[in-house]
Amino acid sequence: MHLLVRVPPVRSLAEITRVLKSNSSKWFHQKWPDRKFAWQSGYGGFSVIESNVPAVTRYLAQQEKHHTDRSFREEFLRFLAKNNIVVDERYRWN
């Protein structure tokens, strides 16, 4: 899932993620009580400068089409490399 949210600076990424996962899980289980659903244990978050919000919004709207050319995993690894973000392999994929 890819989500773009505006978060006040007094809220942490962990807190926002906990609330999103908790509320969406509750909604899912209420709507479809016979189906199994669980969030993965990890998550990632990135900040976006306000002037780039329209471009990021367009990009997220095109995710399904975009991932016909390459998987989310491939794209994510390229993004990390392009931005010199080092992530311990143990925490990248479950």
PDB file of N, CA and C in Angstrom:
ATOM      1  N   MET A   1       0.840  -1.172   0.000  1.00  0.00           N
ATOM      2  CA  MET A   1       0.000   0.000   0.000  1.00  0.00           C
ATOM      3  C   MET A   1       0.886   1.237   0.000  1.00  0.00           C
ATOM      4  N   HIS A   2       0.509   2.199  -0.787  1.00  0.00           N
ATOM      5  CA  HIS A   2       1.216   3.475  -0.829  1.00  0.00           C
ATOM      6  C   HIS A   2       0.228   4.558  -0.456  1.00  0.00           C
ATOM      7  N   LEU A   3       0.627   5.378   0.468  1.00  0.00           N
ATOM      8  CA  LEU A   3      -0.283   6.370   1.000  1.00  0.00           C
ATOM      9  C   LEU A   3       0.460   7.679   1.186  1.00  0.00           C
ATOM     10  N   LEU A   4      -0.164   8.759   0.800  1.00  0.00           N
ATOM     11  CA  LEU A   4       0.416  10.086   0.985  1.00  0.00           C
ATOM     12  C   LEU A   4      -0.446  10.822   2.005  1.00  0.00           C
ATOM     13  N   VAL A   5       0.154  11.187   3.132  1.00  0.00           N
ATOM     14  CA  VAL A   5      -0.579  11.878   4.187  1.00  0.00           C
ATOM     15  C   VAL A   5       0.204  13.099   4.652  1.00  0.00           C
ATOM     16  N   ARG A   6      -0.517  14.100   5.102  1.00  0.00           N
ATOM     17  CA  ARG A   6       0.110  15.270   5.700  1.00  0.00           C
ATOM     18  C   ARG A   6       0.093  15.053   7.205  1.00  0.00           C
ATOM     19  N   VAL A   7       1.273  15.109   7.818  1.00  0.00           N
ATOM     20  CA  VAL A   7       1.430  14.789   9.230  1.00  0.00           C
ATOM     21  C   VAL A   7       2.034  15.988   9.960  1.00  0.00           C
ATOM     22  N   PRO A   8       1.424  16.358  11.086  1.00  0.00           N
ATOM     23  CA  PRO A   8       2.022  17.450  11.864  1.00  0.00           C
ATOM     24  C   PRO A   8       3.385  17.029  12.417  1.00  0.00           C
ATOM     25  N   PRO A   9       4.309  17.947  12.554  1.00  0.00           N
ATOM     26  CA  PRO A   9       5.659  17.591  12.995  1.00  0.00           C
ATOM     27  C   PRO A   9       5.744  17.014  14.401  1.00  0.00           C
ATOM     28  N   VAL A  10       4.687  17.133  15.187  1.00  0.00           N
ATOM     29  CA  VAL A  10       4.708  16.576  16.543  1.00  0.00           C
ATOM     30  C   VAL A  10       4.353  15.095  16.567  1.00  0.00           C
ATOM     31  N   ARG A  11       4.001  14.518  15.425  1.00  0.00           N
ATOM     32  CA  ARG A  11       3.658  13.093  15.330  1.00  0.00           C
ATOM     33  C   ARG A  11       4.813  12.324  14.698  1.00  0.00           C
ATOM     34  N   SER A  12       5.105  11.154  15.242  1.00  0.00           N
ATOM     35  CA  SER A  12       6.179  10.327  14.703  1.00  0.00           C
ATOM     36  C   SER A  12       5.645   9.403  13.619  1.00  0.00           C
ATOM     37  N   LEU A  13       6.542   8.943  12.767  1.00  0.00           N
ATOM     38  CA  LEU A  13       6.169   7.980  11.731  1.00  0.00           C
ATOM     39  C   LEU A  13       5.620   6.706  12.372  1.00  0.00           C
ATOM     40  N   ALA A  14       6.233   6.264  13.451  1.00  0.00           N
ATOM     41  CA  ALA A  14       5.768   5.048  14.131  1.00  0.00           C
ATOM     42  C   ALA A  14       4.338   5.220  14.639  1.00  0.00           C
ATOM     43  N   GLU A  15       4.033   6.378  15.201  1.00  0.00           N
ATOM     44  CA  GLU A  15       2.683   6.626  15.719  1.00  0.00           C
ATOM     45  C   GLU A  15       1.658   6.650  14.586  1.00  0.00           C
ATOM     46  N   ILE A  16       1.968   7.351  13.512  1.00  0.00           N
ATOM     47  CA  ILE A  16       1.055   7.428  12.366  1.00  0.00           C
ATOM     48  C   ILE A  16       0.830   6.045  11.769  1.00  0.00           C
ATOM     49  N   THR A  17       1.894   5.275  11.625  1.00  0.00           N
ATOM     50  CA  THR A  17       1.780   3.929  11.065  1.00  0.00           C
ATOM     51  C   THR A  17       0.936   3.034  11.961  1.00  0.00           C
ATOM     52  N   ARG A  18       1.147   3.119  13.267  1.00  0.00           N
ATOM     53  CA  ARG A  18       0.358   2.320  14.213  1.00  0.00           C
ATOM     54  C   ARG A  18      -1.129   2.633  14.073  1.00  0.00           C
ATOM     55  N   VAL A  19      -1.471   3.916  13.996  1.00  0.00           N
ATOM     56  CA  VAL A  19      -2.877   4.315  13.883  1.00  0.00           C
ATOM     57  C   VAL A  19      -3.468   3.846  12.550  1.00  0.00           C
ATOM     58  N   LEU A  20      -2.736   4.032  11.455  1.00  0.00           N
ATOM     59  CA  LEU A  20      -3.223   3.600  10.137  1.00  0.00           C
ATOM     60  C   LEU A  20      -3.437   2.091  10.083  1.00  0.00           C
ATOM     61  N   LYS A  21      -2.465   1.333  10.570  1.00  0.00           N
ATOM     62  CA  LYS A  21      -2.590  -0.126  10.547  1.00  0.00           C
ATOM     63  C   LYS A  21      -3.729  -0.596  11.446  1.00  0.00           C
ATOM     64  N   SER A  22      -3.820  -0.032  12.631  1.00  0.00           N
ATOM     65  CA  SER A  22      -4.858  -0.431  13.577  1.00  0.00           C
ATOM     66  C   SER A  22      -6.255  -0.138  13.041  1.00  0.00           C
ATOM     67  N   ASN A  23      -6.472   1.084  12.590  1.00  0.00           N
ATOM     68  CA  ASN A  23      -7.804   1.466  12.108  1.00  0.00           C
ATOM     69  C   ASN A  23      -8.194   0.728  10.831  1.00  0.00           C
ATOM     70  N   SER A  24      -7.250   0.543   9.917  1.00  0.00           N
ATOM     71  CA  SER A  24      -7.589  -0.155   8.681  1.00  0.00           C
ATOM     72  C   SER A  24      -7.829  -1.643   8.936  1.00  0.00           C
ATOM     73  N   SER A  25      -7.099  -2.239   9.864  1.00  0.00           N
ATOM     74  CA  SER A  25      -7.340  -3.643  10.221  1.00  0.00           C
ATOM     75  C   SER A  25      -8.718  -3.813  10.832  1.00  0.00           C
ATOM     76  N   LYS A  26      -9.082  -2.917  11.736  1.00  0.00           N
ATOM     77  CA  LYS A  26     -10.409  -2.970  12.359  1.00  0.00           C
ATOM     78  C   LYS A  26     -11.503  -2.849  11.298  1.00  0.00           C
ATOM     79  N   TRP A  27     -11.351  -1.893  10.395  1.00  0.00           N
ATOM     80  CA  TRP A  27     -12.327  -1.692   9.314  1.00  0.00           C
ATOM     81  C   TRP A  27     -12.439  -2.957   8.462  1.00  0.00           C
ATOM     82  N   PHE A  28     -11.301  -3.523   8.062  1.00  0.00           N
ATOM     83  CA  PHE A  28     -11.310  -4.708   7.214  1.00  0.00           C
ATOM     84  C   PHE A  28     -12.052  -5.854   7.899  1.00  0.00           C
ATOM     85  N   HIS A  29     -11.727  -6.110   9.172  1.00  0.00           N
ATOM     86  CA  HIS A  29     -12.339  -7.233   9.886  1.00  0.00           C
ATOM     87  C   HIS A  29     -13.827  -7.021  10.152  1.00  0.00           C
ATOM     88  N   GLN A  30     -14.245  -5.768  10.269  1.00  0.00           N
ATOM     89  CA  GLN A  30     -15.677  -5.494  10.414  1.00  0.00           C
ATOM     90  C   GLN A  30     -16.405  -5.697   9.083  1.00  0.00           C
ATOM     91  N   LYS A  31     -15.774  -5.286   8.005  1.00  0.00           N
ATOM     92  CA  LYS A  31     -16.398  -5.373   6.684  1.00  0.00           C
ATOM     93  C   LYS A  31     -16.413  -6.803   6.153  1.00  0.00           C
ATOM     94  N   TRP A  32     -15.327  -7.537   6.367  1.00  0.00           N
ATOM     95  CA  TRP A  32     -15.206  -8.912   5.874  1.00  0.00           C
ATOM     96  C   TRP A  32     -14.751  -9.828   7.019  1.00  0.00           C
ATOM     97  N   PRO A  33     -15.645 -10.164   7.941  1.00  0.00           N
ATOM     98  CA  PRO A  33     -15.241 -10.943   9.125  1.00  0.00           C
ATOM     99  C   PRO A  33     -14.741 -12.354   8.811  1.00  0.00           C
ATOM    100  N   ASP A  34     -15.089 -12.896   7.660  1.00  0.00           N
ATOM    101  CA  ASP A  34     -14.673 -14.260   7.327  1.00  0.00           C
ATOM    102  C   ASP A  34     -13.345 -14.322   6.566  1.00  0.00           C
ATOM    103  N   ARG A  35     -12.800 -13.182   6.223  1.00  0.00           N
ATOM    104  CA  ARG A  35     -11.540 -13.159   5.467  1.00  0.00           C
ATOM    105  C   ARG A  35     -10.361 -12.916   6.399  1.00  0.00           C
ATOM    106  N   LYS A  36      -9.225 -13.454   6.011  1.00  0.00           N
ATOM    107  CA  LYS A  36      -8.004 -13.245   6.793  1.00  0.00           C
ATOM    108  C   LYS A  36      -7.279 -12.012   6.261  1.00  0.00           C
ATOM    109  N   PHE A  37      -6.766 -11.240   7.176  1.00  0.00           N
ATOM    110  CA  PHE A  37      -6.001 -10.049   6.808  1.00  0.00           C
ATOM    111  C   PHE A  37      -5.002  -9.760   7.910  1.00  0.00           C
ATOM    112  N   ALA A  38      -3.789  -9.430   7.519  1.00  0.00           N
ATOM    113  CA  ALA A  38      -2.773  -9.010   8.489  1.00  0.00           C
ATOM    114  C   ALA A  38      -1.767  -8.114   7.785  1.00  0.00           C
ATOM    115  N   TRP A  39      -1.336  -7.102   8.477  1.00  0.00           N
ATOM    116  CA  TRP A  39      -0.301  -6.224   7.952  1.00  0.00           C
ATOM    117  C   TRP A  39       1.058  -6.886   8.103  1.00  0.00           C
ATOM    118  N   GLN A  40       1.971  -6.538   7.216  1.00  0.00           N
ATOM    119  CA  GLN A  40       3.348  -6.977   7.385  1.00  0.00           C
ATOM    120  C   GLN A  40       3.928  -6.267   8.595  1.00  0.00           C
ATOM    121  N   SER A  41       5.021  -6.768   9.115  1.00  0.00           N
ATOM    122  CA  SER A  41       5.579  -6.183  10.333  1.00  0.00           C
ATOM    123  C   SER A  41       6.299  -4.859  10.063  1.00  0.00           C
ATOM    124  N   GLY A  42       6.877  -4.702   8.904  1.00  0.00           N
ATOM    125  CA  GLY A  42       7.666  -3.500   8.636  1.00  0.00           C
ATOM    126  C   GLY A  42       6.907  -2.438   7.871  1.00  0.00           C
ATOM    127  N   TYR A  43       7.556  -1.314   7.704  1.00  0.00           N
ATOM    128  CA  TYR A  43       6.990  -0.213   6.927  1.00  0.00           C
ATOM    129  C   TYR A  43       8.108   0.755   6.586  1.00  0.00           C
ATOM    130  N   GLY A  44       7.843   1.641   5.684  1.00  0.00           N
ATOM    131  CA  GLY A  44       8.801   2.682   5.341  1.00  0.00           C
ATOM    132  C   GLY A  44       8.069   3.991   5.166  1.00  0.00           C
ATOM    133  N   GLY A  45       8.740   5.065   5.428  1.00  0.00           N
ATOM    134  CA  GLY A  45       8.127   6.373   5.269  1.00  0.00           C
ATOM    135  C   GLY A  45       9.139   7.362   4.729  1.00  0.00           C
ATOM    136  N   PHE A  46       8.684   8.224   3.864  1.00  0.00           N
ATOM    137  CA  PHE A  46       9.561   9.213   3.255  1.00  0.00           C
ATOM    138  C   PHE A  46       8.864  10.563   3.254  1.00  0.00           C
ATOM    139  N   SER A  47       9.624  11.597   3.477  1.00  0.00           N
ATOM    140  CA  SER A  47       9.039  12.934   3.436  1.00  0.00           C
ATOM    141  C   SER A  47       9.042  13.446   2.002  1.00  0.00           C
ATOM    142  N   VAL A  48       8.106  14.333   1.721  1.00  0.00           N
ATOM    143  CA  VAL A  48       7.965  14.917   0.394  1.00  0.00           C
ATOM    144  C   VAL A  48       7.846  16.425   0.572  1.00  0.00           C
ATOM    145  N   ILE A  49       8.645  17.171  -0.137  1.00  0.00           N
ATOM    146  CA  ILE A  49       8.544  18.625  -0.079  1.00  0.00           C
ATOM    147  C   ILE A  49       7.205  19.048  -0.699  1.00  0.00           C
ATOM    148  N   GLU A  50       6.587  20.049  -0.132  1.00  0.00           N
ATOM    149  CA  GLU A  50       5.246  20.480  -0.545  1.00  0.00           C
ATOM    150  C   GLU A  50       5.138  20.700  -2.050  1.00  0.00           C
ATOM    151  N   SER A  51       6.153  21.266  -2.661  1.00  0.00           N
ATOM    152  CA  SER A  51       6.090  21.549  -4.101  1.00  0.00           C
ATOM    153  C   SER A  51       6.059  20.277  -4.949  1.00  0.00           C
ATOM    154  N   ASN A  52       6.440  19.133  -4.379  1.00  0.00           N
ATOM    155  CA  ASN A  52       6.411  17.863  -5.113  1.00  0.00           C
ATOM    156  C   ASN A  52       5.154  17.036  -4.863  1.00  0.00           C
ATOM    157  N   VAL A  53       4.260  17.504  -4.000  1.00  0.00           N
ATOM    158  CA  VAL A  53       3.040  16.745  -3.687  1.00  0.00           C
ATOM    159  C   VAL A  53       2.221  16.421  -4.940  1.00  0.00           C
ATOM    160  N   PRO A  54       1.981  17.371  -5.859  1.00  0.00           N
ATOM    161  CA  PRO A  54       1.210  17.016  -7.058  1.00  0.00           C
ATOM    162  C   PRO A  54       1.862  15.891  -7.885  1.00  0.00           C
ATOM    163  N   ALA A  55       3.178  15.933  -8.039  1.00  0.00           N
ATOM    164  CA  ALA A  55       3.872  14.897  -8.804  1.00  0.00           C
ATOM    165  C   ALA A  55       3.794  13.545  -8.095  1.00  0.00           C
ATOM    166  N   VAL A  56       3.940  13.537  -6.792  1.00  0.00           N
ATOM    167  CA  VAL A  56       3.861  12.289  -6.033  1.00  0.00           C
ATOM    168  C   VAL A  56       2.438  11.733  -6.080  1.00  0.00           C
ATOM    169  N   THR A  57       1.454  12.610  -5.995  1.00  0.00           N
ATOM    170  CA  THR A  57       0.056  12.188  -6.088  1.00  0.00           C
ATOM    171  C   THR A  57      -0.219  11.524  -7.435  1.00  0.00           C
ATOM    172  N   ARG A  58       0.275  12.125  -8.514  1.00  0.00           N
ATOM    173  CA  ARG A  58       0.108  11.522  -9.854  1.00  0.00           C
ATOM    174  C   ARG A  58       0.816  10.176  -9.920  1.00  0.00           C
ATOM    175  N   TYR A  59       2.013  10.122  -9.383  1.00  0.00           N
ATOM    176  CA  TYR A  59       2.785   8.881  -9.392  1.00  0.00           C
ATOM    177  C   TYR A  59       2.026   7.771  -8.656  1.00  0.00           C
ATOM    178  N   LEU A  60       1.500   8.066  -7.478  1.00  0.00           N
ATOM    179  CA  LEU A  60       0.775   7.055  -6.709  1.00  0.00           C
ATOM    180  C   LEU A  60      -0.486   6.594  -7.428  1.00  0.00           C
ATOM    181  N   ALA A  61      -1.146   7.510  -8.126  1.00  0.00           N
ATOM    182  CA  ALA A  61      -2.355   7.155  -8.880  1.00  0.00           C
ATOM    183  C   ALA A  61      -2.041   6.190 -10.024  1.00  0.00           C
ATOM    184  N   GLN A  62      -0.802   6.180 -10.494  1.00  0.00           N
ATOM    185  CA  GLN A  62      -0.393   5.333 -11.621  1.00  0.00           C
ATOM    186  C   GLN A  62       0.324   4.046 -11.184  1.00  0.00           C
ATOM    187  N   GLN A  63       0.309   3.722  -9.896  1.00  0.00           N
ATOM    188  CA  GLN A  63       1.067   2.586  -9.395  1.00  0.00           C
ATOM    189  C   GLN A  63       0.776   1.277 -10.117  1.00  0.00           C
ATOM    190  N   GLU A  64      -0.468   0.939 -10.295  1.00  0.00           N
ATOM    191  CA  GLU A  64      -0.812  -0.341 -10.922  1.00  0.00           C
ATOM    192  C   GLU A  64      -0.213  -0.434 -12.322  1.00  0.00           C
ATOM    193  N   LYS A  65      -0.381   0.609 -13.108  1.00  0.00           N
ATOM    194  CA  LYS A  65       0.178   0.638 -14.462  1.00  0.00           C
ATOM    195  C   LYS A  65       1.704   0.620 -14.414  1.00  0.00           C
ATOM    196  N   HIS A  66       2.260   1.410 -13.515  1.00  0.00           N
ATOM    197  CA  HIS A  66       3.710   1.530 -13.399  1.00  0.00           C
ATOM    198  C   HIS A  66       4.361   0.186 -13.054  1.00  0.00           C
ATOM    199  N   HIS A  67       3.715  -0.603 -12.214  1.00  0.00           N
ATOM    200  CA  HIS A  67       4.310  -1.859 -11.779  1.00  0.00           C
ATOM    201  C   HIS A  67       4.088  -3.014 -12.743  1.00  0.00           C
ATOM    202  N   THR A  68       3.553  -2.733 -13.919  1.00  0.00           N
ATOM    203  CA  THR A  68       3.535  -3.771 -14.949  1.00  0.00           C
ATOM    204  C   THR A  68       4.921  -3.888 -15.584  1.00  0.00           C
ATOM    205  N   ASP A  69       5.708  -2.812 -15.506  1.00  0.00           N
ATOM    206  CA  ASP A  69       7.062  -2.803 -16.076  1.00  0.00           C
ATOM    207  C   ASP A  69       8.116  -3.341 -15.109  1.00  0.00           C
ATOM    208  N   ARG A  70       7.930  -3.088 -13.822  1.00  0.00           N
ATOM    209  CA  ARG A  70       8.867  -3.584 -12.813  1.00  0.00           C
ATOM    210  C   ARG A  70       8.118  -3.725 -11.497  1.00  0.00           C
ATOM    211  N   SER A  71       8.587  -4.622 -10.680  1.00  0.00           N
ATOM    212  CA  SER A  71       7.914  -4.888  -9.408  1.00  0.00           C
ATOM    213  C   SER A  71       8.162  -3.756  -8.418  1.00  0.00           C
ATOM    214  N   PHE A  72       7.333  -3.716  -7.395  1.00  0.00           N
ATOM    215  CA  PHE A  72       7.543  -2.737  -6.331  1.00  0.00           C
ATOM    216  C   PHE A  72       8.922  -2.927  -5.722  1.00  0.00           C
ATOM    217  N   ARG A  73       9.294  -4.178  -5.510  1.00  0.00           N
ATOM    218  CA  ARG A  73      10.602  -4.465  -4.902  1.00  0.00           C
ATOM    219  C   ARG A  73      11.741  -3.888  -5.733  1.00  0.00           C
ATOM    220  N   GLU A  74      11.708  -4.127  -7.053  1.00  0.00           N
ATOM    221  CA  GLU A  74      12.753  -3.584  -7.934  1.00  0.00           C
ATOM    222  C   GLU A  74      12.781  -2.056  -7.860  1.00  0.00           C
ATOM    223  N   GLU A  75      11.618  -1.465  -7.915  1.00  0.00           N
ATOM    224  CA  GLU A  75      11.532  -0.013  -7.878  1.00  0.00           C
ATOM    225  C   GLU A  75      12.036   0.539  -6.545  1.00  0.00           C
ATOM    226  N   PHE A  76      11.662  -0.112  -5.457  1.00  0.00           N
ATOM    227  CA  PHE A  76      12.063   0.346  -4.137  1.00  0.00           C
ATOM    228  C   PHE A  76      13.577   0.266  -3.970  1.00  0.00           C
ATOM    229  N   LEU A  77      14.175  -0.832  -4.424  1.00  0.00           N
ATOM    230  CA  LEU A  77      15.628  -0.973  -4.322  1.00  0.00           C
ATOM    231  C   LEU A  77      16.347   0.091  -5.148  1.00  0.00           C
ATOM    232  N   ARG A  78      15.819   0.408  -6.326  1.00  0.00           N
ATOM    233  CA  ARG A  78      16.397   1.489  -7.141  1.00  0.00           C
ATOM    234  C   ARG A  78      16.276   2.835  -6.441  1.00  0.00           C
ATOM    235  N   PHE A  79      15.117   3.071  -5.829  1.00  0.00           N
ATOM    236  CA  PHE A  79      14.902   4.315  -5.104  1.00  0.00           C
ATOM    237  C   PHE A  79      15.914   4.458  -3.966  1.00  0.00           C
ATOM    238  N   LEU A  80      16.095   3.389  -3.196  1.00  0.00           N
ATOM    239  CA  LEU A  80      17.053   3.425  -2.098  1.00  0.00           C
ATOM    240  C   LEU A  80      18.462   3.713  -2.610  1.00  0.00           C
ATOM    241  N   ALA A  81      18.872   3.018  -3.660  1.00  0.00           N
ATOM    242  CA  ALA A  81      20.214   3.215  -4.215  1.00  0.00           C
ATOM    243  C   ALA A  81      20.390   4.634  -4.757  1.00  0.00           C
ATOM    244  N   LYS A  82      19.402   5.119  -5.491  1.00  0.00           N
ATOM    245  CA  LYS A  82      19.462   6.467  -6.071  1.00  0.00           C
ATOM    246  C   LYS A  82      19.627   7.539  -5.004  1.00  0.00           C
ATOM    247  N   ASN A  83      19.023   7.308  -3.842  1.00  0.00           N
ATOM    248  CA  ASN A  83      19.046   8.294  -2.766  1.00  0.00           C
ATOM    249  C   ASN A  83      20.054   7.965  -1.665  1.00  0.00           C
ATOM    250  N   ASN A  84      20.960   7.029  -1.970  1.00  0.00           N
ATOM    251  CA  ASN A  84      22.021   6.650  -1.034  1.00  0.00           C
ATOM    252  C   ASN A  84      21.485   6.265   0.348  1.00  0.00           C
ATOM    253  N   ILE A  85      20.388   5.532   0.350  1.00  0.00           N
ATOM    254  CA  ILE A  85      19.784   5.065   1.600  1.00  0.00           C
ATOM    255  C   ILE A  85      20.226   3.622   1.820  1.00  0.00           C
ATOM    256  N   VAL A  86      20.923   3.403   2.914  1.00  0.00           N
ATOM    257  CA  VAL A  86      21.412   2.073   3.242  1.00  0.00           C
ATOM    258  C   VAL A  86      20.459   1.438   4.240  1.00  0.00           C
ATOM    259  N   VAL A  87      19.970   0.239   3.903  1.00  0.00           N
ATOM    260  CA  VAL A  87      19.048  -0.491   4.770  1.00  0.00           C
ATOM    261  C   VAL A  87      19.627  -1.877   5.000  1.00  0.00           C
ATOM    262  N   ASP A  88      19.670  -2.297   6.238  1.00  0.00           N
ATOM    263  CA  ASP A  88      20.154  -3.621   6.591  1.00  0.00           C
ATOM    264  C   ASP A  88      19.271  -4.663   5.897  1.00  0.00           C
ATOM    265  N   GLU A  89      19.879  -5.582   5.164  1.00  0.00           N
ATOM    266  CA  GLU A  89      19.143  -6.612   4.418  1.00  0.00           C
ATOM    267  C   GLU A  89      18.173  -7.405   5.293  1.00  0.00           C
ATOM    268  N   ARG A  90      18.501  -7.561   6.562  1.00  0.00           N
ATOM    269  CA  ARG A  90      17.637  -8.337   7.458  1.00  0.00           C
ATOM    270  C   ARG A  90      16.263  -7.693   7.617  1.00  0.00           C
ATOM    271  N   TYR A  91      16.179  -6.399   7.370  1.00  0.00           N
ATOM    272  CA  TYR A  91      14.929  -5.680   7.594  1.00  0.00           C
ATOM    273  C   TYR A  91      14.228  -5.257   6.312  1.00  0.00           C
ATOM    274  N   ARG A  92      14.804  -5.597   5.172  1.00  0.00           N
ATOM    275  CA  ARG A  92      14.227  -5.152   3.905  1.00  0.00           C
ATOM    276  C   ARG A  92      12.998  -5.932   3.499  1.00  0.00           C
ATOM    277  N   TRP A  93      13.060  -7.233   3.556  1.00  0.00           N
ATOM    278  CA  TRP A  93      11.948  -8.069   3.084  1.00  0.00           C
ATOM    279  C   TRP A  93      11.704  -9.191   4.073  1.00  0.00           C
ATOM    280  N   ASN A  94      10.456  -9.430   4.388  1.00  0.00           N
ATOM    281  CA  ASN A  94      10.092 -10.526   5.312  1.00  0.00           C
ATOM    282  C   ASN A  94       9.802 -11.781   4.513  1.00  0.00           C
TER     283      ASN A  94
END
